[in-house]
Amino acid sequence: FIRVNGALCKMLGRSEEELVASTSQSLTHPDDLELTAGAFAHVAQNGSPISVQKRYLRPDGEIVWAATRGTTVTRPDGEPSHIVSHFQDITATKQAEQLSVQAHRRFETAFADAPIGMALVAPDGGLIRVNRTLCDLVGYSEEQLSGLTFQAITHPDDLDADLHHVGRLLDGQAD
C-alpha cells in the first residue's frame, strides 16, 4: 500500500501506518492468495482493470469479504506507476449467501429424507418435484409423477374438497 483512506483502515481494523507498512497479500486470507497474485499480475501486465471478491483478515482474526477493483496508473512514458484499488465491504452479502446455501441444503435434506410424502406443486396442480416417500405411497416412480398433476393421482371422492382447499389457498383465504 502506498496510501490508504480511513474507510479502508476501519474496514480492515488497522491504522494507516500499519496498512502502508504492509501489502494487500499480507492481509489476504491464505485461501485467496493465489487469486490475488493472479489478479494483480494480470492488471500489472495488461493494464486492464481487475475485479475480484476475496477475504481479508483483521488483526482479531475476523474475516472481511471485499469486492476489490484495481486499475493501473501509467507514467507519461506508458510504463505502469501503481495500481489504484477500490475496496467495498461485502461481508454481509457473503454471509447472507452462505445462510441461503445452508438453508437450501437443509430443505433439500428434509424434503428428500422426510418420512411423509411431499411434493412441490404448481398453481395448476402440476407436480414439480416429489420425494421418494410420496412415490412409495402412490406407487409411481418420480419420472411418472413428473408428468402428472395432483388431480390425476387424487381419488375422485376427494378431488372436489382438494380443489376447494387449493382455490382458497390461491385466493389468499388460507395459508
N, C-alpha and C. Protein backbone atom coordinates (compact mmCIF):
# COMPACT_ATOMS: atom_id res chain seq x y z
N PHE A 1 0.84 -1.18 0.00
CA PHE A 1 0.00 0.00 0.00
C PHE A 1 0.88 1.24 0.00
N ILE A 2 0.54 2.22 -0.83
CA ILE A 2 1.26 3.49 -0.85
C ILE A 2 0.50 4.51 0.00
N ARG A 3 -0.81 4.54 -0.21
CA ARG A 3 -1.66 5.46 0.52
C ARG A 3 -3.02 4.80 0.71
N VAL A 4 -3.65 5.03 1.87
CA VAL A 4 -4.96 4.44 2.16
C VAL A 4 -5.85 5.50 2.79
N ASN A 5 -7.15 5.24 2.75
CA ASN A 5 -8.07 6.18 3.41
C ASN A 5 -8.63 5.57 4.69
N GLY A 6 -9.34 6.39 5.42
CA GLY A 6 -9.90 5.97 6.71
C GLY A 6 -10.90 4.83 6.59
N ALA A 7 -11.64 4.80 5.48
CA ALA A 7 -12.64 3.73 5.30
C ALA A 7 -11.95 2.37 5.21
N LEU A 8 -10.82 2.29 4.50
CA LEU A 8 -10.11 1.02 4.40
C LEU A 8 -9.52 0.65 5.76
N CYS A 9 -8.98 1.63 6.47
CA CYS A 9 -8.44 1.37 7.81
C CYS A 9 -9.52 0.78 8.70
N LYS A 10 -10.69 1.38 8.68
CA LYS A 10 -11.80 0.90 9.50
C LYS A 10 -12.23 -0.50 9.07
N MET A 11 -12.34 -0.71 7.76
CA MET A 11 -12.78 -2.00 7.24
C MET A 11 -11.82 -3.12 7.65
N LEU A 12 -10.52 -2.85 7.58
CA LEU A 12 -9.53 -3.88 7.88
C LEU A 12 -9.05 -3.85 9.34
N GLY A 13 -9.56 -2.90 10.12
CA GLY A 13 -9.22 -2.84 11.54
C GLY A 13 -7.77 -2.51 11.81
N ARG A 14 -7.19 -1.67 10.96
CA ARG A 14 -5.77 -1.33 11.10
C ARG A 14 -5.58 0.16 10.89
N SER A 15 -4.51 0.69 11.44
CA SER A 15 -4.18 2.10 11.26
C SER A 15 -3.61 2.33 9.87
N GLU A 16 -3.56 3.60 9.48
CA GLU A 16 -2.97 3.96 8.19
C GLU A 16 -1.51 3.51 8.15
N GLU A 17 -0.80 3.71 9.25
CA GLU A 17 0.61 3.34 9.31
C GLU A 17 0.79 1.83 9.12
N GLU A 18 -0.07 1.05 9.77
CA GLU A 18 0.01 -0.41 9.63
C GLU A 18 -0.23 -0.84 8.19
N LEU A 19 -1.23 -0.24 7.55
CA LEU A 19 -1.54 -0.62 6.18
C LEU A 19 -0.42 -0.23 5.22
N VAL A 20 0.11 0.97 5.37
CA VAL A 20 1.18 1.42 4.47
C VAL A 20 2.43 0.56 4.65
N ALA A 21 2.61 0.02 5.83
CA ALA A 21 3.77 -0.83 6.09
C ALA A 21 3.54 -2.28 5.65
N SER A 22 2.34 -2.59 5.13
CA SER A 22 2.04 -3.97 4.73
C SER A 22 1.67 -4.03 3.26
N THR A 23 1.31 -5.20 2.82
CA THR A 23 0.85 -5.40 1.45
C THR A 23 -0.55 -5.99 1.47
N SER A 24 -1.22 -5.87 0.36
CA SER A 24 -2.54 -6.48 0.24
C SER A 24 -2.44 -7.99 0.47
N GLN A 25 -1.40 -8.60 -0.07
CA GLN A 25 -1.22 -10.04 0.07
C GLN A 25 -1.02 -10.44 1.53
N SER A 26 -0.32 -9.64 2.31
CA SER A 26 -0.06 -10.00 3.70
C SER A 26 -1.33 -9.96 4.55
N LEU A 27 -2.35 -9.28 4.07
CA LEU A 27 -3.62 -9.19 4.80
C LEU A 27 -4.68 -10.11 4.22
N THR A 28 -4.35 -10.77 3.12
CA THR A 28 -5.29 -11.63 2.42
C THR A 28 -5.42 -12.98 3.11
N HIS A 29 -6.64 -13.50 3.14
CA HIS A 29 -6.89 -14.84 3.67
C HIS A 29 -6.02 -15.82 2.88
N PRO A 30 -5.37 -16.78 3.57
CA PRO A 30 -4.47 -17.71 2.87
C PRO A 30 -5.10 -18.42 1.67
N ASP A 31 -6.37 -18.75 1.76
CA ASP A 31 -7.03 -19.46 0.66
C ASP A 31 -7.23 -18.58 -0.57
N ASP A 32 -7.06 -17.26 -0.43
CA ASP A 32 -7.27 -16.35 -1.56
C ASP A 32 -5.97 -15.78 -2.12
N LEU A 33 -4.83 -16.23 -1.61
CA LEU A 33 -3.55 -15.68 -2.05
C LEU A 33 -3.29 -15.93 -3.54
N GLU A 34 -3.60 -17.11 -4.03
CA GLU A 34 -3.36 -17.42 -5.44
C GLU A 34 -4.23 -16.54 -6.33
N LEU A 35 -5.49 -16.37 -5.93
CA LEU A 35 -6.40 -15.49 -6.67
C LEU A 35 -5.85 -14.08 -6.74
N THR A 36 -5.37 -13.59 -5.61
CA THR A 36 -4.82 -12.23 -5.54
C THR A 36 -3.60 -12.08 -6.42
N ALA A 37 -2.69 -13.03 -6.34
CA ALA A 37 -1.46 -12.96 -7.14
C ALA A 37 -1.80 -12.95 -8.62
N GLY A 38 -2.72 -13.79 -9.03
CA GLY A 38 -3.11 -13.85 -10.44
C GLY A 38 -3.78 -12.57 -10.91
N ALA A 39 -4.62 -11.99 -10.07
CA ALA A 39 -5.33 -10.77 -10.44
C ALA A 39 -4.36 -9.60 -10.58
N PHE A 40 -3.46 -9.46 -9.62
CA PHE A 40 -2.52 -8.33 -9.68
C PHE A 40 -1.50 -8.51 -10.81
N ALA A 41 -1.13 -9.74 -11.09
CA ALA A 41 -0.24 -9.98 -12.23
C ALA A 41 -0.94 -9.59 -13.52
N HIS A 42 -2.22 -9.90 -13.61
CA HIS A 42 -3.00 -9.56 -14.81
C HIS A 42 -3.07 -8.05 -15.01
N VAL A 43 -3.41 -7.31 -13.96
CA VAL A 43 -3.54 -5.86 -14.10
C VAL A 43 -2.18 -5.22 -14.38
N ALA A 44 -1.13 -5.75 -13.78
CA ALA A 44 0.21 -5.18 -14.00
C ALA A 44 0.70 -5.44 -15.42
N GLN A 45 0.41 -6.62 -15.97
CA GLN A 45 0.87 -6.96 -17.31
C GLN A 45 0.03 -6.33 -18.40
N ASN A 46 -1.28 -6.37 -18.22
CA ASN A 46 -2.19 -5.93 -19.28
C ASN A 46 -2.67 -4.51 -19.12
N GLY A 47 -2.59 -3.99 -17.92
CA GLY A 47 -3.09 -2.64 -17.67
C GLY A 47 -4.60 -2.57 -17.64
N SER A 48 -5.27 -3.68 -17.88
CA SER A 48 -6.73 -3.66 -17.85
C SER A 48 -7.23 -3.81 -16.42
N PRO A 49 -8.36 -3.20 -16.12
CA PRO A 49 -8.89 -3.26 -14.75
C PRO A 49 -9.20 -4.70 -14.33
N ILE A 50 -9.12 -4.92 -13.03
CA ILE A 50 -9.48 -6.22 -12.47
C ILE A 50 -10.59 -6.02 -11.45
N SER A 51 -11.30 -7.08 -11.20
CA SER A 51 -12.33 -7.08 -10.17
C SER A 51 -12.36 -8.48 -9.57
N VAL A 52 -12.13 -8.56 -8.26
CA VAL A 52 -12.15 -9.85 -7.57
C VAL A 52 -12.89 -9.70 -6.25
N GLN A 53 -13.45 -10.80 -5.81
CA GLN A 53 -14.02 -10.86 -4.47
C GLN A 53 -13.11 -11.76 -3.66
N LYS A 54 -12.65 -11.24 -2.53
CA LYS A 54 -11.70 -12.01 -1.73
C LYS A 54 -11.84 -11.65 -0.26
N ARG A 55 -11.17 -12.45 0.56
CA ARG A 55 -11.24 -12.28 2.01
C ARG A 55 -9.95 -11.65 2.53
N TYR A 56 -10.13 -10.76 3.48
CA TYR A 56 -9.01 -10.16 4.21
C TYR A 56 -9.14 -10.55 5.67
N LEU A 57 -8.02 -10.57 6.37
CA LEU A 57 -8.02 -10.89 7.80
C LEU A 57 -7.76 -9.65 8.61
N ARG A 58 -8.63 -9.42 9.58
CA ARG A 58 -8.42 -8.33 10.53
C ARG A 58 -7.47 -8.83 11.62
N PRO A 59 -6.88 -7.92 12.41
CA PRO A 59 -5.95 -8.34 13.48
C PRO A 59 -6.58 -9.32 14.48
N ASP A 60 -7.89 -9.21 14.71
CA ASP A 60 -8.56 -10.11 15.66
C ASP A 60 -8.93 -11.45 15.03
N GLY A 61 -8.55 -11.67 13.75
CA GLY A 61 -8.84 -12.93 13.07
C GLY A 61 -10.16 -12.92 12.32
N GLU A 62 -10.95 -11.87 12.50
CA GLU A 62 -12.23 -11.78 11.79
C GLU A 62 -11.97 -11.68 10.29
N ILE A 63 -12.83 -12.35 9.53
CA ILE A 63 -12.72 -12.31 8.07
C ILE A 63 -13.62 -11.21 7.52
N VAL A 64 -13.06 -10.42 6.61
CA VAL A 64 -13.81 -9.36 5.92
C VAL A 64 -13.78 -9.70 4.44
N TRP A 65 -14.96 -9.83 3.84
CA TRP A 65 -15.05 -10.03 2.40
C TRP A 65 -15.05 -8.67 1.72
N ALA A 66 -14.31 -8.56 0.62
CA ALA A 66 -14.29 -7.30 -0.11
C ALA A 66 -14.37 -7.55 -1.61
N ALA A 67 -15.14 -6.70 -2.26
CA ALA A 67 -15.10 -6.64 -3.73
C ALA A 67 -13.98 -5.65 -4.02
N THR A 68 -12.92 -6.13 -4.62
CA THR A 68 -11.73 -5.32 -4.86
C THR A 68 -11.59 -5.08 -6.36
N ARG A 69 -11.46 -3.81 -6.71
CA ARG A 69 -11.26 -3.45 -8.11
C ARG A 69 -9.96 -2.66 -8.20
N GLY A 70 -9.19 -2.93 -9.23
CA GLY A 70 -7.92 -2.24 -9.38
C GLY A 70 -7.69 -1.83 -10.82
N THR A 71 -7.05 -0.69 -10.98
CA THR A 71 -6.70 -0.17 -12.29
C THR A 71 -5.27 0.35 -12.25
N THR A 72 -4.53 0.07 -13.29
CA THR A 72 -3.14 0.52 -13.37
C THR A 72 -3.09 1.99 -13.78
N VAL A 73 -2.26 2.74 -13.10
CA VAL A 73 -1.97 4.13 -13.46
C VAL A 73 -0.60 4.11 -14.14
N THR A 74 -0.51 4.73 -15.30
CA THR A 74 0.75 4.72 -16.04
C THR A 74 1.42 6.09 -16.00
N ARG A 75 2.72 6.06 -16.15
CA ARG A 75 3.52 7.28 -16.26
C ARG A 75 3.37 7.83 -17.67
N PRO A 76 3.83 9.05 -17.90
CA PRO A 76 3.75 9.62 -19.26
C PRO A 76 4.43 8.75 -20.32
N ASP A 77 5.44 7.97 -19.90
CA ASP A 77 6.12 7.12 -20.89
C ASP A 77 5.37 5.80 -21.14
N GLY A 78 4.22 5.64 -20.49
CA GLY A 78 3.40 4.44 -20.70
C GLY A 78 3.70 3.30 -19.77
N GLU A 79 4.72 3.41 -18.96
CA GLU A 79 5.08 2.37 -18.02
C GLU A 79 4.16 2.44 -16.79
N PRO A 80 3.82 1.27 -16.22
CA PRO A 80 2.97 1.28 -15.03
C PRO A 80 3.65 1.98 -13.86
N SER A 81 2.88 2.79 -13.16
CA SER A 81 3.38 3.51 -11.99
C SER A 81 2.89 2.83 -10.72
N HIS A 82 1.58 2.61 -10.64
CA HIS A 82 0.98 1.98 -9.48
C HIS A 82 -0.43 1.54 -9.83
N ILE A 83 -1.06 0.87 -8.90
CA ILE A 83 -2.44 0.40 -9.09
C ILE A 83 -3.32 1.14 -8.09
N VAL A 84 -4.41 1.69 -8.58
CA VAL A 84 -5.41 2.30 -7.70
C VAL A 84 -6.46 1.23 -7.45
N SER A 85 -6.68 0.94 -6.18
CA SER A 85 -7.64 -0.10 -5.81
C SER A 85 -8.79 0.48 -5.02
N HIS A 86 -9.94 -0.10 -5.22
CA HIS A 86 -11.15 0.27 -4.50
C HIS A 86 -11.65 -0.98 -3.79
N PHE A 87 -11.93 -0.85 -2.50
CA PHE A 87 -12.36 -1.98 -1.69
C PHE A 87 -13.77 -1.70 -1.17
N GLN A 88 -14.69 -2.61 -1.43
CA GLN A 88 -16.05 -2.48 -0.90
C GLN A 88 -16.34 -3.67 0.00
N ASP A 89 -16.72 -3.39 1.23
CA ASP A 89 -17.03 -4.45 2.19
C ASP A 89 -18.31 -5.15 1.76
N ILE A 90 -18.20 -6.43 1.44
CA ILE A 90 -19.37 -7.22 1.04
C ILE A 90 -19.59 -8.39 2.00
N THR A 91 -19.07 -8.23 3.22
CA THR A 91 -19.17 -9.31 4.21
C THR A 91 -20.62 -9.69 4.47
N ALA A 92 -21.50 -8.72 4.66
CA ALA A 92 -22.90 -9.03 4.95
C ALA A 92 -23.54 -9.80 3.79
N THR A 93 -23.21 -9.41 2.57
CA THR A 93 -23.76 -10.10 1.40
C THR A 93 -23.26 -11.54 1.35
N LYS A 94 -21.98 -11.75 1.60
CA LYS A 94 -21.41 -13.10 1.58
C LYS A 94 -22.00 -13.96 2.69
N GLN A 95 -22.21 -13.36 3.86
CA GLN A 95 -22.82 -14.12 4.96
C GLN A 95 -24.26 -14.51 4.61
N ALA A 96 -24.99 -13.60 3.98
CA ALA A 96 -26.37 -13.90 3.56
C ALA A 96 -26.38 -15.01 2.51
N GLU A 97 -25.43 -14.98 1.59
CA GLU A 97 -25.32 -16.04 0.58
C GLU A 97 -25.05 -17.38 1.25
N GLN A 98 -24.15 -17.38 2.22
CA GLN A 98 -23.82 -18.61 2.92
C GLN A 98 -25.04 -19.15 3.68
N LEU A 99 -25.79 -18.27 4.33
CA LEU A 99 -27.00 -18.70 5.04
C LEU A 99 -28.03 -19.26 4.06
N SER A 100 -28.13 -18.65 2.89
CA SER A 100 -29.06 -19.13 1.88
C SER A 100 -28.67 -20.53 1.39
N VAL A 101 -27.38 -20.75 1.17
CA VAL A 101 -26.91 -22.07 0.74
C VAL A 101 -27.19 -23.10 1.83
N GLN A 102 -26.94 -22.74 3.07
CA GLN A 102 -27.19 -23.67 4.18
C GLN A 102 -28.68 -23.99 4.29
N ALA A 103 -29.53 -22.98 4.14
CA ALA A 103 -30.98 -23.20 4.21
C ALA A 103 -31.43 -24.11 3.06
N HIS A 104 -30.87 -23.89 1.89
CA HIS A 104 -31.22 -24.72 0.73
C HIS A 104 -30.82 -26.18 0.99
N ARG A 105 -29.63 -26.38 1.54
CA ARG A 105 -29.17 -27.74 1.84
C ARG A 105 -30.08 -28.41 2.88
N ARG A 106 -30.47 -27.64 3.92
CA ARG A 106 -31.37 -28.19 4.94
C ARG A 106 -32.70 -28.57 4.33
N PHE A 107 -33.24 -27.70 3.46
CA PHE A 107 -34.50 -28.00 2.80
C PHE A 107 -34.37 -29.26 1.95
N GLU A 108 -33.30 -29.33 1.16
CA GLU A 108 -33.10 -30.50 0.29
C GLU A 108 -33.05 -31.78 1.11
N THR A 109 -32.34 -31.78 2.21
CA THR A 109 -32.23 -32.96 3.06
C THR A 109 -33.57 -33.30 3.68
N ALA A 110 -34.25 -32.28 4.22
CA ALA A 110 -35.56 -32.52 4.85
C ALA A 110 -36.57 -33.05 3.83
N PHE A 111 -36.57 -32.49 2.65
CA PHE A 111 -37.51 -32.91 1.61
C PHE A 111 -37.23 -34.35 1.20
N ALA A 112 -35.98 -34.64 0.89
CA ALA A 112 -35.62 -35.97 0.40
C ALA A 112 -35.80 -37.06 1.45
N ASP A 113 -35.47 -36.74 2.71
CA ASP A 113 -35.48 -37.75 3.77
C ASP A 113 -36.75 -37.76 4.61
N ALA A 114 -37.74 -36.97 4.25
CA ALA A 114 -38.96 -36.88 5.06
C ALA A 114 -39.68 -38.24 5.10
N PRO A 115 -40.19 -38.61 6.27
CA PRO A 115 -40.91 -39.88 6.38
C PRO A 115 -42.36 -39.76 5.87
N ILE A 116 -42.72 -38.59 5.35
CA ILE A 116 -44.05 -38.39 4.78
C ILE A 116 -43.90 -38.03 3.31
N GLY A 117 -44.92 -38.32 2.54
CA GLY A 117 -44.88 -37.97 1.13
C GLY A 117 -44.97 -36.47 0.97
N MET A 118 -44.08 -35.91 0.15
CA MET A 118 -44.06 -34.48 -0.07
C MET A 118 -43.94 -34.20 -1.56
N ALA A 119 -44.57 -33.07 -1.97
CA ALA A 119 -44.46 -32.64 -3.36
C ALA A 119 -44.44 -31.13 -3.42
N LEU A 120 -43.72 -30.60 -4.39
CA LEU A 120 -43.81 -29.19 -4.74
C LEU A 120 -44.80 -29.15 -5.90
N VAL A 121 -45.85 -28.36 -5.73
CA VAL A 121 -46.96 -28.37 -6.69
C VAL A 121 -47.15 -26.99 -7.29
N ALA A 122 -47.28 -26.92 -8.61
CA ALA A 122 -47.53 -25.66 -9.31
C ALA A 122 -48.97 -25.22 -9.08
N PRO A 123 -49.28 -23.95 -9.28
CA PRO A 123 -50.66 -23.47 -9.09
C PRO A 123 -51.70 -24.24 -9.91
N ASP A 124 -51.29 -24.76 -11.07
CA ASP A 124 -52.24 -25.54 -11.89
C ASP A 124 -52.34 -26.99 -11.45
N GLY A 125 -51.59 -27.37 -10.40
CA GLY A 125 -51.64 -28.73 -9.89
C GLY A 125 -50.53 -29.62 -10.37
N GLY A 126 -49.70 -29.14 -11.29
CA GLY A 126 -48.58 -29.94 -11.81
C GLY A 126 -47.59 -30.26 -10.71
N LEU A 127 -47.15 -31.51 -10.71
CA LEU A 127 -46.16 -31.95 -9.72
C LEU A 127 -44.78 -31.54 -10.20
N ILE A 128 -44.21 -30.55 -9.53
CA ILE A 128 -42.90 -30.03 -9.91
C ILE A 128 -41.80 -30.96 -9.41
N ARG A 129 -41.98 -31.42 -8.18
CA ARG A 129 -40.97 -32.27 -7.57
C ARG A 129 -41.64 -33.12 -6.49
N VAL A 130 -41.19 -34.35 -6.37
CA VAL A 130 -41.75 -35.26 -5.36
C VAL A 130 -40.61 -35.95 -4.63
N ASN A 131 -40.92 -36.40 -3.42
CA ASN A 131 -39.87 -37.15 -2.71
C ASN A 131 -40.13 -38.66 -2.84
N ARG A 132 -39.15 -39.43 -2.42
CA ARG A 132 -39.22 -40.89 -2.54
C ARG A 132 -40.40 -41.47 -1.76
N THR A 133 -40.68 -40.91 -0.60
CA THR A 133 -41.77 -41.42 0.22
C THR A 133 -43.10 -41.28 -0.51
N LEU A 134 -43.33 -40.16 -1.19
CA LEU A 134 -44.58 -39.99 -1.95
C LEU A 134 -44.65 -41.02 -3.07
N CYS A 135 -43.55 -41.25 -3.73
CA CYS A 135 -43.52 -42.27 -4.79
C CYS A 135 -43.93 -43.63 -4.23
N ASP A 136 -43.38 -43.98 -3.08
CA ASP A 136 -43.71 -45.26 -2.45
C ASP A 136 -45.19 -45.31 -2.07
N LEU A 137 -45.74 -44.20 -1.59
CA LEU A 137 -47.14 -44.16 -1.15
C LEU A 137 -48.13 -44.33 -2.31
N VAL A 138 -47.84 -43.69 -3.41
CA VAL A 138 -48.80 -43.71 -4.53
C VAL A 138 -48.47 -44.74 -5.59
N GLY A 139 -47.29 -45.36 -5.50
CA GLY A 139 -46.95 -46.43 -6.43
C GLY A 139 -46.50 -45.98 -7.80
N TYR A 140 -46.04 -44.74 -7.90
CA TYR A 140 -45.50 -44.23 -9.15
C TYR A 140 -44.02 -43.90 -8.95
N SER A 141 -43.28 -43.96 -10.04
CA SER A 141 -41.88 -43.53 -9.96
C SER A 141 -41.84 -42.00 -10.03
N GLU A 142 -40.69 -41.44 -9.68
CA GLU A 142 -40.53 -39.99 -9.76
C GLU A 142 -40.73 -39.50 -11.20
N GLU A 143 -40.23 -40.27 -12.16
CA GLU A 143 -40.39 -39.90 -13.56
C GLU A 143 -41.86 -39.91 -13.97
N GLN A 144 -42.61 -40.91 -13.52
CA GLN A 144 -44.03 -40.98 -13.86
C GLN A 144 -44.80 -39.81 -13.25
N LEU A 145 -44.47 -39.46 -12.02
CA LEU A 145 -45.19 -38.36 -11.35
C LEU A 145 -44.85 -37.00 -11.96
N SER A 146 -43.66 -36.87 -12.52
CA SER A 146 -43.25 -35.56 -13.04
C SER A 146 -44.14 -35.07 -14.17
N GLY A 147 -44.83 -35.95 -14.84
CA GLY A 147 -45.72 -35.54 -15.92
C GLY A 147 -47.17 -35.45 -15.51
N LEU A 148 -47.45 -35.63 -14.23
CA LEU A 148 -48.84 -35.65 -13.76
C LEU A 148 -49.18 -34.41 -12.92
N THR A 149 -50.47 -34.29 -12.60
CA THR A 149 -50.96 -33.27 -11.67
C THR A 149 -51.43 -33.97 -10.40
N PHE A 150 -51.60 -33.20 -9.33
CA PHE A 150 -52.12 -33.83 -8.11
C PHE A 150 -53.55 -34.31 -8.37
N GLN A 151 -54.26 -33.63 -9.29
CA GLN A 151 -55.63 -34.04 -9.61
C GLN A 151 -55.65 -35.45 -10.19
N ALA A 152 -54.63 -35.80 -10.98
CA ALA A 152 -54.58 -37.11 -11.64
C ALA A 152 -54.35 -38.25 -10.65
N ILE A 153 -53.75 -37.97 -9.51
CA ILE A 153 -53.47 -39.04 -8.54
C ILE A 153 -54.37 -38.96 -7.30
N THR A 154 -55.33 -38.02 -7.34
CA THR A 154 -56.26 -37.88 -6.21
C THR A 154 -57.51 -38.72 -6.48
N HIS A 155 -57.96 -39.44 -5.47
CA HIS A 155 -59.18 -40.25 -5.62
C HIS A 155 -60.35 -39.33 -5.96
N PRO A 156 -61.21 -39.72 -6.90
CA PRO A 156 -62.34 -38.88 -7.32
C PRO A 156 -63.22 -38.41 -6.16
N ASP A 157 -63.37 -39.22 -5.12
CA ASP A 157 -64.21 -38.83 -3.99
C ASP A 157 -63.60 -37.67 -3.20
N ASP A 158 -62.28 -37.46 -3.32
CA ASP A 158 -61.59 -36.42 -2.57
C ASP A 158 -61.25 -35.18 -3.40
N LEU A 159 -61.43 -35.27 -4.71
CA LEU A 159 -60.96 -34.21 -5.60
C LEU A 159 -61.66 -32.88 -5.38
N ASP A 160 -62.98 -32.88 -5.22
CA ASP A 160 -63.69 -31.60 -5.02
C ASP A 160 -63.21 -30.88 -3.76
N ALA A 161 -63.02 -31.61 -2.68
CA ALA A 161 -62.55 -31.00 -1.43
C ALA A 161 -61.14 -30.45 -1.62
N ASP A 162 -60.26 -31.23 -2.28
CA ASP A 162 -58.89 -30.76 -2.52
C ASP A 162 -58.89 -29.50 -3.38
N LEU A 163 -59.69 -29.48 -4.44
CA LEU A 163 -59.75 -28.31 -5.32
C LEU A 163 -60.29 -27.08 -4.57
N HIS A 164 -61.24 -27.30 -3.68
CA HIS A 164 -61.76 -26.21 -2.85
C HIS A 164 -60.65 -25.62 -1.97
N HIS A 165 -59.88 -26.49 -1.32
CA HIS A 165 -58.79 -26.02 -0.46
C HIS A 165 -57.70 -25.32 -1.26
N VAL A 166 -57.38 -25.84 -2.42
CA VAL A 166 -56.37 -25.20 -3.27
C VAL A 166 -56.87 -23.84 -3.73
N GLY A 167 -58.14 -23.75 -4.10
CA GLY A 167 -58.73 -22.46 -4.50
C GLY A 167 -58.63 -21.43 -3.39
N ARG A 168 -58.94 -21.84 -2.16
CA ARG A 168 -58.82 -20.93 -1.02
C ARG A 168 -57.37 -20.49 -0.82
N LEU A 169 -56.44 -21.41 -0.99
CA LEU A 169 -55.01 -21.10 -0.85
C LEU A 169 -54.59 -20.09 -1.92
N LEU A 170 -54.96 -20.33 -3.16
CA LEU A 170 -54.57 -19.43 -4.25
C LEU A 170 -55.24 -18.06 -4.15
N ASP A 171 -56.42 -18.01 -3.55
CA ASP A 171 -57.13 -16.72 -3.36
C ASP A 171 -56.64 -15.97 -2.12
N GLY A 172 -55.73 -16.58 -1.36
CA GLY A 172 -55.20 -15.94 -0.16
C GLY A 172 -56.11 -16.08 1.05
N GLN A 173 -57.10 -16.96 0.98
CA GLN A 173 -58.03 -17.16 2.09
C GLN A 173 -57.52 -18.21 3.08
N ALA A 174 -56.49 -18.92 2.71
CA ALA A 174 -55.92 -19.96 3.60
C ALA A 174 -54.40 -19.95 3.44
N ASP A 175 -53.72 -20.36 4.50
CA ASP A 175 -52.26 -20.47 4.44
C ASP A 175 -51.87 -21.82 3.87
